[in-house]
Protein backbone atom coordinates (compact mmCIF):
# COMPACT_ATOMS: atom_id res chain seq x y z
CA UNK A 1 63.84 28.30 -57.44
CA UNK A 2 61.13 28.95 -60.00
CA UNK A 3 62.44 30.35 -63.88
CA UNK A 4 62.79 30.15 -66.95
CA UNK A 5 65.23 27.23 -68.30
CA UNK A 6 67.87 30.03 -69.10
CA UNK A 7 67.76 31.63 -65.46
CA UNK A 8 67.48 28.11 -64.14
CA UNK A 9 70.61 27.00 -65.48
CA UNK A 10 72.38 30.10 -65.30
CA UNK A 11 71.07 29.89 -61.23
CA UNK A 12 72.29 26.05 -61.27
CA UNK A 13 75.80 26.99 -62.43
CA UNK A 14 76.60 28.74 -59.08
CA UNK A 15 75.72 26.28 -56.61
CA UNK A 16 77.90 23.41 -55.04
CA UNK A 17 78.16 20.75 -57.99
CA UNK A 18 78.24 17.95 -54.84
CA UNK A 19 74.54 18.77 -54.20
CA UNK A 20 71.71 17.37 -55.24
CA UNK A 21 68.82 19.18 -57.40
CA UNK A 22 65.40 18.27 -58.81
CA UNK A 23 64.13 20.01 -61.81
CA UNK A 24 60.58 19.78 -62.86
CA UNK A 25 58.24 21.50 -64.63
CA UNK A 26 56.60 24.21 -62.69
CA UNK A 27 52.55 24.05 -62.08
CA UNK A 28 50.51 27.16 -60.26
CA UNK A 29 48.50 25.94 -57.82
CA UNK A 30 45.09 26.41 -58.12
CA UNK A 31 43.12 29.38 -56.09
CA UNK A 32 42.08 28.39 -52.47
CA UNK A 33 38.52 29.92 -53.32
CA UNK A 34 37.96 27.15 -55.89
CA UNK A 35 38.27 24.52 -53.06
CA UNK A 36 36.28 26.87 -50.72
CA UNK A 37 33.62 27.33 -53.16
CA UNK A 38 33.27 23.82 -53.82
CA UNK A 39 33.05 22.46 -50.45
CA UNK A 40 29.75 25.03 -50.29
CA UNK A 41 28.43 23.63 -52.33
CA UNK A 42 29.68 20.00 -51.29
CA UNK A 43 27.50 20.95 -47.62
CA UNK A 44 24.28 22.24 -49.95
CA UNK A 45 24.37 19.69 -51.47
CA UNK A 46 24.36 17.14 -48.34
CA UNK A 47 21.84 19.44 -46.65
CA UNK A 48 19.55 18.76 -49.48
CA UNK A 49 20.06 15.10 -49.92
CA UNK A 50 20.37 14.56 -45.82
CA UNK A 51 23.64 13.35 -45.92
CA UNK A 52 27.70 13.90 -45.20
CA UNK A 53 29.22 16.62 -46.97
CA UNK A 54 31.92 13.67 -47.68
CA UNK A 55 29.48 11.23 -49.18
CA UNK A 56 28.73 13.97 -51.51
CA UNK A 57 32.61 14.85 -51.68
CA UNK A 58 33.32 11.20 -52.88
CA UNK A 59 29.88 11.09 -54.89
CA UNK A 60 31.35 14.54 -57.04
CA UNK A 61 35.00 12.60 -57.00
CA UNK A 62 33.51 9.61 -58.60
CA UNK A 63 31.27 11.57 -61.31
CA UNK A 64 33.42 14.43 -62.10
CA UNK A 65 36.88 13.30 -60.59
CA UNK A 66 40.55 11.80 -61.90
CA UNK A 67 40.53 8.43 -61.74
CA UNK A 68 43.35 5.99 -62.29
CA UNK A 69 42.28 1.80 -62.65
CA UNK A 70 44.85 -0.53 -60.61
CA UNK A 71 44.94 -4.17 -59.87
CA UNK A 72 46.02 -5.66 -56.97
CA UNK A 73 47.00 -8.74 -55.36
CA UNK A 74 43.59 -9.37 -53.58
CA UNK A 75 45.07 -10.45 -50.32
CA UNK A 76 46.38 -6.87 -49.89
CA UNK A 77 44.48 -4.31 -48.04
CA UNK A 78 44.79 -1.22 -50.23
CA UNK A 79 42.77 1.10 -47.45
CA UNK A 80 46.22 1.65 -46.10
CA UNK A 81 47.36 3.16 -49.77
CA UNK A 82 44.28 4.82 -51.24
CA UNK A 83 41.31 6.80 -49.65
CA UNK A 84 38.82 6.62 -52.57
CA UNK A 85 38.13 3.68 -54.51
CA UNK A 86 35.80 1.65 -55.44
CA UNK A 87 36.05 -1.96 -56.61
CA UNK A 88 35.74 -2.72 -60.23
CA UNK A 89 35.79 -6.48 -60.68
CA UNK A 90 38.44 -9.60 -60.13
CA UNK A 91 40.89 -11.56 -62.03
CA UNK A 92 43.39 -14.60 -61.80
CA UNK A 93 47.02 -14.44 -63.62
CA UNK A 94 49.04 -17.30 -63.29
CA UNK A 95 46.75 -18.91 -60.09
CA UNK A 96 46.62 -15.61 -58.37
CA UNK A 97 43.72 -13.86 -57.60
CA UNK A 98 43.83 -9.73 -58.53
CA UNK A 99 41.21 -7.13 -57.91
CA UNK A 100 40.44 -4.21 -59.72
CA UNK A 101 39.99 -0.90 -58.28
CA UNK A 102 39.48 2.59 -59.38
CA UNK A 103 41.06 4.65 -57.08
CA UNK A 104 40.10 8.30 -57.40
CA UNK A 105 42.20 11.24 -56.96
CA UNK A 106 41.75 13.86 -54.08
CA UNK A 107 40.97 17.47 -55.07
CA UNK A 108 43.48 18.89 -53.38
CA UNK A 109 45.75 17.40 -55.91
CA UNK A 110 44.03 18.75 -58.81
CA UNK A 111 45.64 21.38 -61.02
CA UNK A 112 43.21 24.29 -62.35
CA UNK A 113 41.71 22.65 -65.44
CA UNK A 114 40.80 19.63 -62.99
CA UNK A 115 39.38 21.75 -60.19
CA UNK A 116 37.16 23.75 -62.88
CA UNK A 117 35.47 20.14 -64.26
CA UNK A 118 35.25 19.03 -61.01
CA UNK A 119 33.11 22.30 -59.95
CA UNK A 120 31.14 22.69 -63.31
CA UNK A 121 30.00 18.95 -62.50
CA UNK A 122 29.41 20.38 -58.45
CA UNK A 123 27.40 23.17 -60.29
CA UNK A 124 25.21 21.21 -62.50
CA UNK A 125 24.41 19.02 -59.35
CA UNK A 126 23.52 21.79 -56.80
CA UNK A 127 21.69 23.43 -59.80
CA UNK A 128 19.25 20.58 -60.03
CA UNK A 129 18.71 20.13 -56.68
CA UNK A 130 17.30 23.73 -56.67
CA UNK A 131 20.52 25.20 -54.81
CA UNK A 132 21.26 28.79 -55.78
CA UNK A 133 25.13 28.69 -57.14
CA UNK A 134 26.87 31.55 -58.04
CA UNK A 135 25.72 33.43 -61.46
CA UNK A 136 27.74 31.75 -64.47
CA UNK A 137 29.30 35.09 -65.04
CA UNK A 138 31.24 35.23 -61.28
CA UNK A 139 32.40 31.20 -61.78
CA UNK A 140 33.71 32.48 -64.90
CA UNK A 141 35.76 35.20 -63.35
CA UNK A 142 36.79 32.91 -60.82
CA UNK A 143 37.76 30.27 -63.27
CA UNK A 144 40.43 32.85 -64.76
CA UNK A 145 41.49 33.67 -61.45
CA UNK A 146 42.20 30.14 -60.89
CA UNK A 147 44.60 29.98 -63.86
CA UNK A 148 46.46 32.64 -62.80
CA UNK A 149 46.87 31.65 -59.51
């Protein structure tokens, strides 16, 4: 159920008292148009740069995406758990070696604000490569729709 606090409370009071529920803030999903447009830009840049759209995607994540830094015992292969990452250093704690990673969050996990930042970066990069992008007014209109979706 999605609703205001009072509505959710009223609804919960009508439910089976033995049943468990998870309550968390609602975050609207971004529009699929945002993701589709981003991949169009990645594909166009890949064509100009003579590389794959996946390589461009990863570079856009590094430059404009969301990330977290983690430290993991060096003997652990994080590629089984994390798809996009880079090694940023190593260190030792109590005789054990740790590798420090910058882990990039995939765009499918982004909210509208995060996706907007990613697309702004991709648009800027595409324009620098001479790739025609949507007019700024169209992009702003799309962003307004993303925030409503």
